[in-house]
Structures are given as structure tokens and as C-alpha cells.
N, C-alpha and C. Protein backbone atom coordinates (compact mmCIF):
# COMPACT_ATOMS: atom_id res chain seq x y z
N MET A 1 0.62 -0.96 0.18
CA MET A 1 0.17 0.25 -0.29
C MET A 1 1.16 1.20 0.06
N LYS A 2 2.20 1.01 0.89
CA LYS A 2 2.59 2.63 0.65
C LYS A 2 3.41 3.10 -0.47
N LYS A 3 3.80 1.51 -1.13
CA LYS A 3 4.23 2.34 -1.78
C LYS A 3 3.46 1.97 -3.97
N LEU A 4 2.17 1.94 -3.43
CA LEU A 4 1.15 2.71 -3.82
C LEU A 4 0.76 3.84 -4.20
N PHE A 5 0.77 4.35 -2.64
CA PHE A 5 0.83 5.47 -2.34
C PHE A 5 2.03 6.37 -2.98
N SER A 6 2.99 6.06 -2.60
CA SER A 6 3.94 6.93 -3.20
C SER A 6 4.21 6.79 -4.41
N LEU A 7 3.76 6.30 -5.80
CA LEU A 7 3.79 6.52 -6.98
C LEU A 7 2.99 7.46 -7.09
N PHE A 8 1.62 7.41 -6.69
CA PHE A 8 0.10 8.19 -6.66
C PHE A 8 1.41 9.43 -6.39
N LEU A 9 2.06 9.52 -5.38
CA LEU A 9 2.22 11.20 -4.89
C LEU A 9 3.03 11.28 -6.19
N SER A 10 4.13 10.96 -6.29
CA SER A 10 5.77 10.92 -6.86
C SER A 10 4.73 11.84 -8.49
N LEU A 11 4.20 10.71 -9.08
CA LEU A 11 3.08 10.72 -10.07
C LEU A 11 1.81 12.01 -10.09
N SER A 12 1.69 12.72 -8.81
CA SER A 12 0.82 13.84 -9.05
C SER A 12 1.43 15.10 -9.13
N LEU A 13 3.16 15.03 -8.03
CA LEU A 13 4.23 15.37 -7.71
C LEU A 13 5.26 15.86 -9.44
N LEU A 14 5.04 15.06 -10.72
CA LEU A 14 4.91 15.51 -12.17
C LEU A 14 4.30 16.33 -12.52
N CYS A 15 3.33 16.26 -12.23
CA CYS A 15 1.60 16.81 -13.23
C CYS A 15 1.65 18.16 -12.85
N ALA A 16 2.18 18.18 -11.74
CA ALA A 16 2.28 19.43 -11.63
C ALA A 16 2.99 20.47 -12.09
N GLY A 17 3.75 20.05 -12.28
CA GLY A 17 5.07 21.37 -12.78
C GLY A 17 4.45 21.16 -14.20
N VAL A 18 3.15 20.65 -15.44
CA VAL A 18 3.29 20.70 -16.41
C VAL A 18 0.92 21.24 -16.06
N ALA A 19 1.04 21.55 -15.03
CA ALA A 19 -0.49 22.80 -15.01
C ALA A 19 -0.41 23.51 -15.92
N VAL A 20 -1.79 24.15 -16.46
CA VAL A 20 -1.37 25.23 -16.79
C VAL A 20 -2.51 25.39 -17.41
N ALA A 21 -3.44 26.73 -17.37
CA ALA A 21 -4.71 27.56 -17.20
C ALA A 21 -5.37 26.20 -18.62
N GLU A 22 -6.03 25.54 -18.61
CA GLU A 22 -6.84 25.06 -19.78
C GLU A 22 -8.40 25.08 -20.12
N ASN A 23 -8.51 25.74 -21.45
CA ASN A 23 -10.04 25.35 -22.08
C ASN A 23 -10.76 24.43 -21.88
N VAL A 24 -11.71 24.25 -21.28
CA VAL A 24 -12.71 22.41 -21.59
C VAL A 24 -13.72 23.05 -22.33
N ILE A 25 -13.90 22.32 -23.40
CA ILE A 25 -14.82 21.84 -23.87
C ILE A 25 -16.24 20.49 -23.39
N ASP A 26 -17.19 20.87 -23.73
CA ASP A 26 -18.49 20.27 -22.55
C ASP A 26 -19.27 21.06 -23.25
N VAL A 27 -20.57 20.16 -22.73
CA VAL A 27 -21.91 20.23 -23.51
C VAL A 27 -22.39 21.78 -23.40
N GLY A 28 -21.87 22.03 -22.22
CA GLY A 28 -22.15 23.71 -21.88
C GLY A 28 -21.62 24.84 -22.92
N ASN A 29 -20.31 24.31 -23.47
CA ASN A 29 -19.26 25.33 -23.91
C ASN A 29 -19.10 23.72 -24.82
N PRO A 30 -19.37 23.42 -25.82
CA PRO A 30 -19.00 23.26 -27.32
C PRO A 30 -17.69 23.57 -27.73
N SER A 31 -17.14 25.06 -28.01
CA SER A 31 -16.47 25.49 -28.69
C SER A 31 -15.42 26.66 -27.83
N GLN A 32 -13.59 26.37 -28.24
CA GLN A 32 -12.99 26.72 -26.89
C GLN A 32 -11.71 26.59 -27.77
N SER A 33 -11.64 27.80 -27.75
CA SER A 33 -9.42 28.56 -28.25
C SER A 33 -8.23 28.47 -27.66
N THR A 34 -7.59 27.82 -28.03
CA THR A 34 -5.27 27.92 -27.57
C THR A 34 -5.15 28.52 -28.36
N THR A 35 -4.99 29.71 -28.17
CA THR A 35 -3.26 30.79 -27.75
C THR A 35 -2.12 29.93 -28.59
N VAL A 36 -1.32 30.34 -30.07
CA VAL A 36 -0.39 29.58 -29.78
C VAL A 36 0.36 30.75 -30.50
N THR A 37 1.55 30.68 -30.01
CA THR A 37 2.51 32.02 -29.49
C THR A 37 3.82 31.34 -29.54
N PHE A 38 4.61 32.09 -30.37
CA PHE A 38 6.10 32.05 -30.69
C PHE A 38 6.95 33.43 -30.71
N GLU A 39 7.95 33.31 -30.03
CA GLU A 39 8.06 34.41 -29.78
C GLU A 39 9.92 35.20 -31.37
N VAL A 40 9.91 35.58 -31.76
CA VAL A 40 10.98 36.00 -32.84
C VAL A 40 11.74 36.75 -31.93
N PRO A 41 13.48 36.20 -31.30
CA PRO A 41 14.29 37.48 -30.60
C PRO A 41 14.05 38.96 -31.81
N GLU A 42 14.44 40.28 -31.70
CA GLU A 42 14.75 40.98 -32.59
C GLU A 42 16.19 40.87 -32.30
N PRO A 43 17.15 40.76 -33.39
CA PRO A 43 18.21 40.47 -33.45
C PRO A 43 19.53 41.90 -33.07
N GLU A 44 20.17 41.67 -32.01
CA GLU A 44 21.09 42.93 -31.58
C GLU A 44 22.04 43.53 -32.81
N THR A 45 22.23 44.60 -32.21
CA THR A 45 22.69 45.53 -33.71
C THR A 45 23.97 45.31 -32.22
N SER A 46 25.15 44.97 -34.05
CA SER A 46 26.64 44.82 -33.65
C SER A 46 27.51 44.67 -34.72
N TYR A 47 28.25 45.48 -35.42
CA TYR A 47 28.52 45.63 -35.99
C TYR A 47 30.13 45.75 -36.02
N THR A 48 31.24 46.02 -37.50
CA THR A 48 32.51 46.51 -36.72
C THR A 48 32.80 46.79 -38.38
N VAL A 49 32.77 47.88 -37.93
CA VAL A 49 33.60 49.26 -39.22
C VAL A 49 35.41 48.72 -39.22
N THR A 50 35.91 48.92 -40.49
CA THR A 50 37.50 48.59 -40.74
C THR A 50 37.82 49.65 -41.30
N ILE A 51 38.67 50.25 -40.93
CA ILE A 51 39.27 51.44 -41.75
C ILE A 51 41.11 51.26 -41.49
N PRO A 52 41.70 51.62 -42.67
CA PRO A 52 43.07 51.46 -42.33
C PRO A 52 44.13 52.56 -41.50
N ALA A 53 45.22 51.37 -40.72
CA ALA A 53 45.46 52.11 -39.65
C ALA A 53 46.06 53.54 -40.22
N SER A 54 47.09 53.27 -40.93
CA SER A 54 47.75 54.08 -42.01
C SER A 54 47.57 54.13 -44.38
N VAL A 55 47.73 55.27 -44.14
CA VAL A 55 47.73 55.23 -45.57
C VAL A 55 48.80 55.70 -45.84
N SER A 56 48.94 55.23 -46.75
CA SER A 56 50.49 56.57 -47.76
C SER A 56 50.65 56.86 -48.55
N PHE A 57 51.21 57.82 -49.46
CA PHE A 57 51.32 57.91 -50.79
C PHE A 57 53.37 57.51 -50.83
N ILE A 58 53.25 55.93 -52.07
CA ILE A 58 54.17 55.52 -51.89
C ILE A 58 54.75 56.64 -52.91
N GLU A 59 56.50 56.07 -52.67
CA GLU A 59 57.69 56.94 -53.46
C GLU A 59 56.89 58.40 -53.75
N ASP A 60 56.97 58.62 -55.23
CA ASP A 60 57.00 60.06 -55.44
C ASP A 60 54.71 60.17 -55.78
N ALA A 61 54.62 59.03 -55.62
CA ALA A 61 52.95 59.04 -56.22
C ALA A 61 52.33 59.99 -55.41
N THR A 62 51.47 60.65 -56.15
CA THR A 62 50.48 61.89 -55.49
C THR A 62 49.18 61.55 -55.30
N THR A 63 48.85 59.60 -55.76
CA THR A 63 47.44 59.63 -55.68
C THR A 63 47.44 57.98 -54.44
N ALA A 64 46.84 58.31 -53.73
CA ALA A 64 46.63 56.95 -52.87
C ALA A 64 45.20 55.98 -52.83
N SER A 65 44.88 55.13 -51.91
CA SER A 65 43.39 54.56 -51.87
C SER A 65 43.43 54.04 -50.17
N MET A 66 42.07 53.99 -50.10
CA MET A 66 42.41 53.10 -48.96
C MET A 66 40.90 52.56 -49.03
N SER A 67 40.38 51.21 -48.25
CA SER A 67 39.58 50.64 -48.52
C SER A 67 38.29 50.93 -46.73
N VAL A 68 37.09 51.63 -46.27
CA VAL A 68 36.39 51.17 -45.96
C VAL A 68 35.62 50.08 -45.98
N THR A 69 35.14 49.13 -44.57
CA THR A 69 34.20 48.24 -44.92
C THR A 69 33.38 47.59 -43.46
N ILE A 70 32.66 47.35 -44.32
CA ILE A 70 31.21 46.76 -42.70
C ILE A 70 31.75 45.75 -42.69
N GLY A 71 31.80 44.61 -41.32
CA GLY A 71 32.33 43.34 -41.55
C GLY A 71 31.43 42.51 -41.81
N GLY A 72 31.13 41.08 -42.47
CA GLY A 72 30.23 40.42 -43.20
C GLY A 72 29.76 39.67 -42.00
N ASP A 73 29.69 39.98 -40.44
CA ASP A 73 28.50 39.25 -39.23
C ASP A 73 28.65 40.39 -38.80
N SER A 74 28.00 41.17 -39.11
CA SER A 74 27.57 42.45 -38.35
C SER A 74 26.08 42.02 -39.02
N THR A 75 25.36 42.66 -37.36
CA THR A 75 23.99 43.00 -37.56
C THR A 75 23.15 43.88 -37.09
N LEU A 76 22.19 44.60 -37.58
CA LEU A 76 21.49 45.51 -37.11
C LEU A 76 20.39 45.06 -35.75
N ALA A 77 18.84 45.85 -35.28
CA ALA A 77 18.39 45.68 -35.19
C ALA A 77 17.18 45.83 -36.23
N ILE A 78 15.94 45.79 -36.05
CA ILE A 78 14.72 45.06 -36.72
C ILE A 78 14.66 47.32 -37.20
N GLY A 79 14.53 47.99 -38.78
CA GLY A 79 14.45 48.92 -38.64
C GLY A 79 15.74 49.82 -38.69
N ALA A 80 16.94 49.57 -37.79
CA ALA A 80 17.85 49.90 -38.07
C ALA A 80 18.77 50.44 -39.33
N THR A 81 19.30 51.11 -39.00
CA THR A 81 20.31 51.64 -40.18
C THR A 81 21.51 52.47 -39.19
N LEU A 82 22.88 51.87 -39.80
CA LEU A 82 24.33 52.11 -39.66
C LEU A 82 24.54 53.34 -40.91
N LYS A 83 25.66 54.55 -40.51
CA LYS A 83 26.13 55.02 -41.18
C LYS A 83 27.23 55.47 -41.19
N VAL A 84 28.51 55.15 -42.11
CA VAL A 84 29.75 55.51 -41.52
C VAL A 84 30.47 56.79 -42.29
N ILE A 85 30.53 58.38 -41.36
CA ILE A 85 30.92 59.24 -42.23
C ILE A 85 32.56 59.53 -41.53
N LEU A 86 33.02 60.30 -42.88
CA LEU A 86 34.27 60.80 -42.50
C LEU A 86 33.98 62.10 -41.53
N GLU A 87 34.40 61.76 -40.34
CA GLU A 87 34.10 63.34 -39.04
C GLU A 87 35.06 64.04 -39.28
N ASN A 88 36.30 64.11 -39.90
CA ASN A 88 37.50 64.91 -39.18
C ASN A 88 38.27 64.55 -39.77
N SER A 89 39.23 65.71 -40.81
CA SER A 89 40.63 65.62 -41.13
C SER A 89 41.27 66.89 -39.95
N SER A 90 42.08 66.47 -39.21
CA SER A 90 42.79 67.07 -38.18
C SER A 90 43.45 68.29 -38.81
N ASN A 91 43.59 68.56 -40.09
CA ASN A 91 44.63 69.39 -40.65
C ASN A 91 43.78 70.06 -41.81
N SER A 92 42.65 70.37 -41.23
CA SER A 92 41.41 70.30 -43.05
C SER A 92 42.39 69.81 -44.24
N PHE A 93 41.82 68.86 -44.51
CA PHE A 93 42.71 68.13 -45.45
C PHE A 93 43.66 68.65 -46.59
N GLN A 94 44.98 68.71 -45.22
CA GLN A 94 46.25 68.66 -45.28
C GLN A 94 47.50 68.15 -44.17
N LEU A 95 48.18 67.90 -45.52
CA LEU A 95 49.56 67.19 -44.79
C LEU A 95 50.59 68.07 -44.30
N LYS A 96 50.70 68.07 -43.52
CA LYS A 96 51.88 68.61 -42.13
C LYS A 96 52.73 68.22 -42.08
N GLN A 97 53.95 69.48 -42.30
CA GLN A 97 54.56 69.56 -41.51
C GLN A 97 55.78 70.33 -40.73
N GLY A 98 55.38 70.31 -39.19
CA GLY A 98 55.81 72.04 -39.05
C GLY A 98 54.52 73.16 -39.48
N ASP A 99 55.21 73.97 -40.34
CA ASP A 99 54.58 74.91 -40.57
C ASP A 99 54.29 75.08 -42.42
N ASN A 100 55.24 73.70 -42.63
CA ASN A 100 54.31 73.62 -44.02
C ASN A 100 53.07 72.65 -43.82
N ALA A 101 51.92 72.62 -45.71
CA ALA A 101 51.50 72.49 -45.69
C ALA A 101 50.88 71.65 -47.09
N ILE A 102 50.89 70.51 -47.84
CA ILE A 102 50.50 70.59 -48.69
C ILE A 102 48.92 70.06 -48.78
N ALA A 103 47.95 70.77 -49.52
CA ALA A 103 46.53 69.96 -49.99
C ALA A 103 46.38 69.18 -50.22
N TYR A 104 45.43 67.64 -49.98
CA TYR A 104 45.04 67.25 -50.06
C TYR A 104 43.41 66.79 -50.42
N ALA A 105 42.85 66.16 -51.19
CA ALA A 105 41.33 66.14 -51.64
C ALA A 105 41.37 64.58 -51.80
N ILE A 106 39.86 64.52 -51.10
CA ILE A 106 39.68 62.60 -50.80
C ILE A 106 38.17 62.45 -52.30
N LYS A 107 38.23 61.40 -52.71
CA LYS A 107 37.17 61.41 -53.41
C LYS A 107 36.43 59.42 -53.40
N LYS A 108 35.10 59.81 -53.74
CA LYS A 108 34.23 58.26 -53.67
C LYS A 108 33.63 58.84 -54.68
N ASP A 109 34.35 57.61 -55.42
CA ASP A 109 33.43 57.40 -57.05
C ASP A 109 33.38 58.88 -57.12
N GLY A 110 33.77 59.05 -57.98
CA GLY A 110 34.56 60.65 -58.24
C GLY A 110 33.90 61.69 -57.39
N SER A 111 32.76 61.42 -56.79
CA SER A 111 32.53 62.78 -55.46
C SER A 111 33.64 63.11 -54.27
N ALA A 112 34.05 64.12 -54.64
CA ALA A 112 34.90 64.85 -53.28
C ALA A 112 33.77 64.96 -52.18
N LEU A 113 35.05 64.55 -50.96
CA LEU A 113 34.46 63.83 -49.69
C LEU A 113 34.42 65.32 -48.69
N SER A 114 33.86 64.99 -47.70
CA SER A 114 34.60 66.54 -46.78
C SER A 114 34.07 66.62 -45.67
N THR A 115 34.06 67.20 -44.47
CA THR A 115 34.49 66.89 -43.05
C THR A 115 32.54 66.30 -43.29
N GLY A 116 32.18 64.89 -42.61
CA GLY A 116 30.54 64.54 -42.42
C GLY A 116 30.53 64.43 -43.73
N SER A 117 30.77 64.16 -44.04
CA SER A 117 30.24 63.60 -46.12
C SER A 117 30.04 61.32 -45.31
N GLU A 118 28.90 61.24 -45.58
CA GLU A 118 28.60 59.82 -45.52
C GLU A 118 30.17 58.77 -46.82
N VAL A 119 30.57 57.42 -45.86
CA VAL A 119 31.75 56.67 -46.57
C VAL A 119 30.50 55.16 -46.80
N LEU A 120 29.86 55.25 -45.72
CA LEU A 120 28.88 53.71 -45.73
C LEU A 120 27.86 54.28 -45.40
N THR A 121 26.53 53.42 -45.86
CA THR A 121 25.53 52.90 -45.32
C THR A 121 24.75 51.51 -45.27
N TRP A 122 24.64 51.35 -44.29
CA TRP A 122 23.67 49.95 -44.45
C TRP A 122 22.57 49.51 -43.18
N THR A 123 21.57 49.34 -44.20
CA THR A 123 20.35 49.21 -43.21
C THR A 123 19.72 47.96 -43.41
N GLU A 124 19.32 47.64 -42.06
CA GLU A 124 19.03 45.74 -41.51
C GLU A 124 17.77 45.98 -42.72
N GLY A 125 18.32 44.30 -42.89
CA GLY A 125 17.80 43.87 -44.34
C GLY A 125 18.06 44.38 -45.29
N ASP A 126 18.81 45.05 -45.42
CA ASP A 126 19.70 44.51 -46.69
C ASP A 126 20.77 44.03 -46.66
N ALA A 127 21.81 43.69 -48.01
CA ALA A 127 22.90 43.36 -47.73
C ALA A 127 23.94 44.46 -47.50
N VAL A 128 25.30 43.58 -46.81
CA VAL A 128 25.91 44.26 -46.62
C VAL A 128 26.58 44.80 -47.74
N PRO A 129 26.67 45.75 -47.73
CA PRO A 129 27.57 46.68 -48.84
C PRO A 129 28.58 46.04 -48.60
N GLY A 130 29.41 46.24 -49.78
CA GLY A 130 31.30 46.28 -49.79
C GLY A 130 31.49 47.03 -49.59
N ALA A 131 33.34 46.94 -50.24
CA ALA A 131 34.00 47.93 -49.39
C ALA A 131 34.00 49.31 -50.41
N ALA A 132 33.53 50.77 -49.00
CA ALA A 132 33.96 52.20 -50.22
C ALA A 132 35.38 52.05 -50.02
N THR A 133 36.14 52.34 -51.70
CA THR A 133 37.05 53.33 -51.83
C THR A 133 37.60 54.58 -51.49
N LEU A 134 37.68 55.13 -51.01
CA LEU A 134 38.09 56.81 -50.85
C LEU A 134 39.24 56.57 -51.66
N ASN A 135 39.73 58.17 -52.81
CA ASN A 135 40.65 58.09 -53.40
C ASN A 135 41.26 59.35 -52.99
N LEU A 136 42.26 59.18 -52.28
CA LEU A 136 43.43 60.55 -52.09
C LEU A 136 44.19 60.62 -52.95
N GLU A 137 44.15 62.14 -52.88
CA GLU A 137 45.04 63.25 -54.46
C GLU A 137 45.90 63.87 -53.87
N VAL A 138 46.95 64.28 -53.94
CA VAL A 138 47.45 65.33 -54.03
C VAL A 138 47.19 66.88 -54.76
N THR A 139 46.33 67.52 -54.12
CA THR A 139 45.96 68.96 -55.27
C THR A 139 47.52 69.55 -54.67
N GLY A 140 48.33 70.06 -53.73
CA GLY A 140 48.55 71.31 -53.42
C GLY A 140 50.35 71.10 -54.01
N ALA A 141 51.09 72.43 -54.68
CA ALA A 141 52.34 72.04 -55.27
C ALA A 141 52.91 71.75 -53.67
N ILE A 142 54.56 71.27 -53.88
CA ILE A 142 55.44 70.39 -53.84
C ILE A 142 56.63 71.02 -53.92
N ASP A 143 56.70 71.30 -54.51
CA ASP A 143 58.21 72.43 -54.86
C ASP A 143 58.70 73.08 -53.97
N GLY A 144 60.00 73.42 -53.36
CA GLY A 144 60.48 73.83 -52.64
C GLY A 144 60.06 73.46 -51.59
N LEU A 145 59.16 72.42 -51.25
CA LEU A 145 59.02 72.40 -49.40
C LEU A 145 59.98 71.87 -48.79
N PRO A 146 60.36 71.44 -47.98
CA PRO A 146 61.31 70.69 -47.22
C PRO A 146 61.12 69.14 -46.90
N SER A 147 61.97 68.48 -47.22
CA SER A 147 61.69 67.11 -47.15
C SER A 147 60.83 66.38 -45.81
N GLY A 148 60.81 65.23 -46.55
CA GLY A 148 59.99 64.63 -44.91
C GLY A 148 58.85 63.92 -45.05
N ALA A 149 57.85 63.35 -43.81
CA ALA A 149 56.42 62.83 -43.68
C ALA A 149 55.71 63.89 -43.04
N TYR A 150 54.78 64.21 -44.79
CA TYR A 150 53.91 65.57 -43.78
C TYR A 150 51.87 64.33 -43.41
N THR A 151 51.74 64.41 -42.17
CA THR A 151 50.64 64.22 -42.34
C THR A 151 49.56 64.73 -41.80
N ASP A 152 48.12 63.89 -41.76
CA ASP A 152 47.11 64.40 -41.74
C ASP A 152 46.74 63.02 -40.20
N THR A 153 45.16 63.46 -39.99
CA THR A 153 44.72 62.23 -39.31
C THR A 153 43.28 62.47 -39.34
N LEU A 154 42.18 61.63 -40.63
CA LEU A 154 41.09 61.00 -40.47
C LEU A 154 40.06 60.80 -39.17
N THR A 155 39.47 60.81 -38.75
CA THR A 155 38.57 59.93 -38.00
C THR A 155 37.24 60.17 -38.73
N PHE A 156 36.83 58.52 -38.46
CA PHE A 156 35.50 57.65 -39.19
C PHE A 156 34.66 57.39 -37.96
N LYS A 157 33.19 58.17 -38.10
CA LYS A 157 32.32 58.32 -36.89
C LYS A 157 31.80 57.35 -37.40
N ALA A 158 31.20 56.19 -37.42
CA ALA A 158 29.66 54.98 -37.66
C ALA A 158 28.72 55.78 -36.27
N THR A 159 27.24 55.47 -37.19
CA THR A 159 26.13 55.45 -35.42
C THR A 159 25.37 54.99 -36.36
N VAL A 160 24.00 54.29 -35.31
CA VAL A 160 23.16 53.58 -36.20
C VAL A 160 21.49 54.49 -35.94
N SER A 161 21.23 54.23 -36.41
CA SER A 161 20.00 54.94 -35.91
C SER A 161 18.63 54.12 -36.17
N THR A 162 17.56 54.23 -35.34
CA THR A 162 16.58 52.95 -35.49
C THR A 162 14.92 53.92 -36.18
N GLY A 163 14.60 52.69 -36.76
CA GLY A 163 13.27 52.88 -37.92
C GLY A 163 12.15 54.35 -36.91
N GLY A 164 11.18 54.31 -37.36
CA GLY A 164 10.08 54.69 -36.91
C GLY A 164 10.21 56.37 -37.05
N VAL A 165 9.95 57.18 -36.50
CA VAL A 165 9.12 58.41 -36.43
C VAL A 165 10.32 59.40 -36.31
N GLY A 166 10.96 59.62 -37.56
CA GLY A 166 11.88 60.89 -37.35
C GLY A 166 13.65 59.64 -37.59
N ALA A 167 13.38 58.96 -38.11
CA ALA A 167 14.69 57.70 -37.98
C ALA A 167 15.25 58.46 -39.46
N GLY A 168 17.12 58.52 -39.50
CA GLY A 168 17.59 58.97 -40.55
C GLY A 168 17.85 60.47 -39.89
N HIS A 169 17.30 60.95 -38.99
CA HIS A 169 17.52 62.27 -38.49
C HIS A 169 18.40 62.05 -37.02
N ASP A 170 19.69 63.12 -37.17
CA ASP A 170 20.13 63.07 -35.97
C ASP A 170 19.21 63.30 -34.28
N GLY A 171 18.17 63.96 -34.43
CA GLY A 171 17.56 64.09 -33.68
C GLY A 171 16.17 64.21 -34.07
N PHE A 172 15.10 64.52 -32.66
CA PHE A 172 13.79 64.43 -33.25
C PHE A 172 13.17 65.60 -33.94
N GLU A 173 12.04 65.51 -34.87
CA GLU A 173 11.94 66.32 -35.56
C GLU A 173 10.18 66.77 -34.62
N GLU A 174 9.50 68.28 -34.65
CA GLU A 174 8.88 68.27 -33.99
C GLU A 174 7.70 68.66 -34.87
N LEU A 175 6.72 67.70 -34.79
CA LEU A 175 5.84 67.92 -36.28
C LEU A 175 4.30 68.59 -35.70
N PRO A 176 3.26 68.81 -36.96
CA PRO A 176 2.46 69.89 -36.27
C PRO A 176 1.36 69.24 -35.56
N PRO A 177 0.68 69.62 -35.15
CA PRO A 177 -0.60 69.24 -34.46
C PRO A 177 -1.27 68.74 -35.13
N PHE A 178 -1.29 67.14 -35.16
CA PHE A 178 -2.15 66.64 -35.86
C PHE A 178 -3.69 67.63 -35.55
N GLU A 179 -4.53 67.76 -37.08
CA GLU A 179 -5.91 68.72 -36.53
C GLU A 179 -6.54 67.14 -37.67
N TRP A 180 -8.31 67.33 -37.15
CA TRP A 180 -9.27 66.51 -37.36
C TRP A 180 -10.09 67.13 -39.07
């Protein structure tokens, strides 16, 4: 008898773990519904933007190029857009050595870039874009300048904006009141 009671008690504990609210179909209630739910998790935003550590004009060449890429394993939340911009040139697009400077320009797809120019954009749901090739060209005179290394520092910035009202803007827009 004790074994039977122990077995009954064990089975009741097992059943208690799966007990949930139930809808009963009977003579008074010949129809009931069941809600079926599956949660799809929102993807997390995780990205890698790669820029070169340095770019050099080789020997006496007046042109050079560099690539900016978004990692192929990057992910964005639903409705998000990743934008990479050329945030700053520390010497205002001049290669400097002391008080001496050489002007240079940066182009992407034949169009000149300046501070704030967009380099790459990727929106969730689209394929990760290919590398952006930036072409650098010395535009200033180099005759009569002292020999040595002339440098500038470029800063790139990646920002993510989410979808919805004001998407694609750096801030919120004030909308006019709704009228009937």
C-alpha cells in the first residue's frame, strides 16, 4: 500500500509541473480556443567597421587609396541603419610638417568628400555593402617644400539610427499638431 501511495504522490508531483490553465470543451461550452505563440527575438546590433591604420603615398606618387568596410557578420536591430561618415580631418585636408602644408582631396565614386560626408550606409534587411574605396590625391604644390613626412589624421564615425518617426535624423523633429 505504501508503494502505491508513493507512486501516486510522485505522479501527482510530476503532473503539477505541467499544469496550466485549460479551456474545457463540454456540453455547456462546445467550442474553445487555444492561443499559440512563438517569440522571434529581435536581432542585436553588433557591427565592425574597418578602416586602415594608416595610408601612405608611395614614393613620388600623388595618389593613394584606402578601403572602408562593414564586417560581413554585422547585425542590426529591425529598422536600424548604420551610417559611416568622415567625421574630421585634423589638418583640414592638409598634410602638415611643422608650418609647411600640402593640400589633398578625398573622393569616393568620383565625388569629393568633406567633413561630415557619408562613406558607407547599411540598412537592416539589405545585404552588407561592399567596401567603399576612397581615393586620395595631392592637390597642392610640393615644389620647394622641405623633405620629410607630411601627415594628417582622418577620423571616421559610425552611428546607428532606428526606424520610426524621425528615422534617419540625428534628433527628433517637431511635428505640427494633428487636426481632424
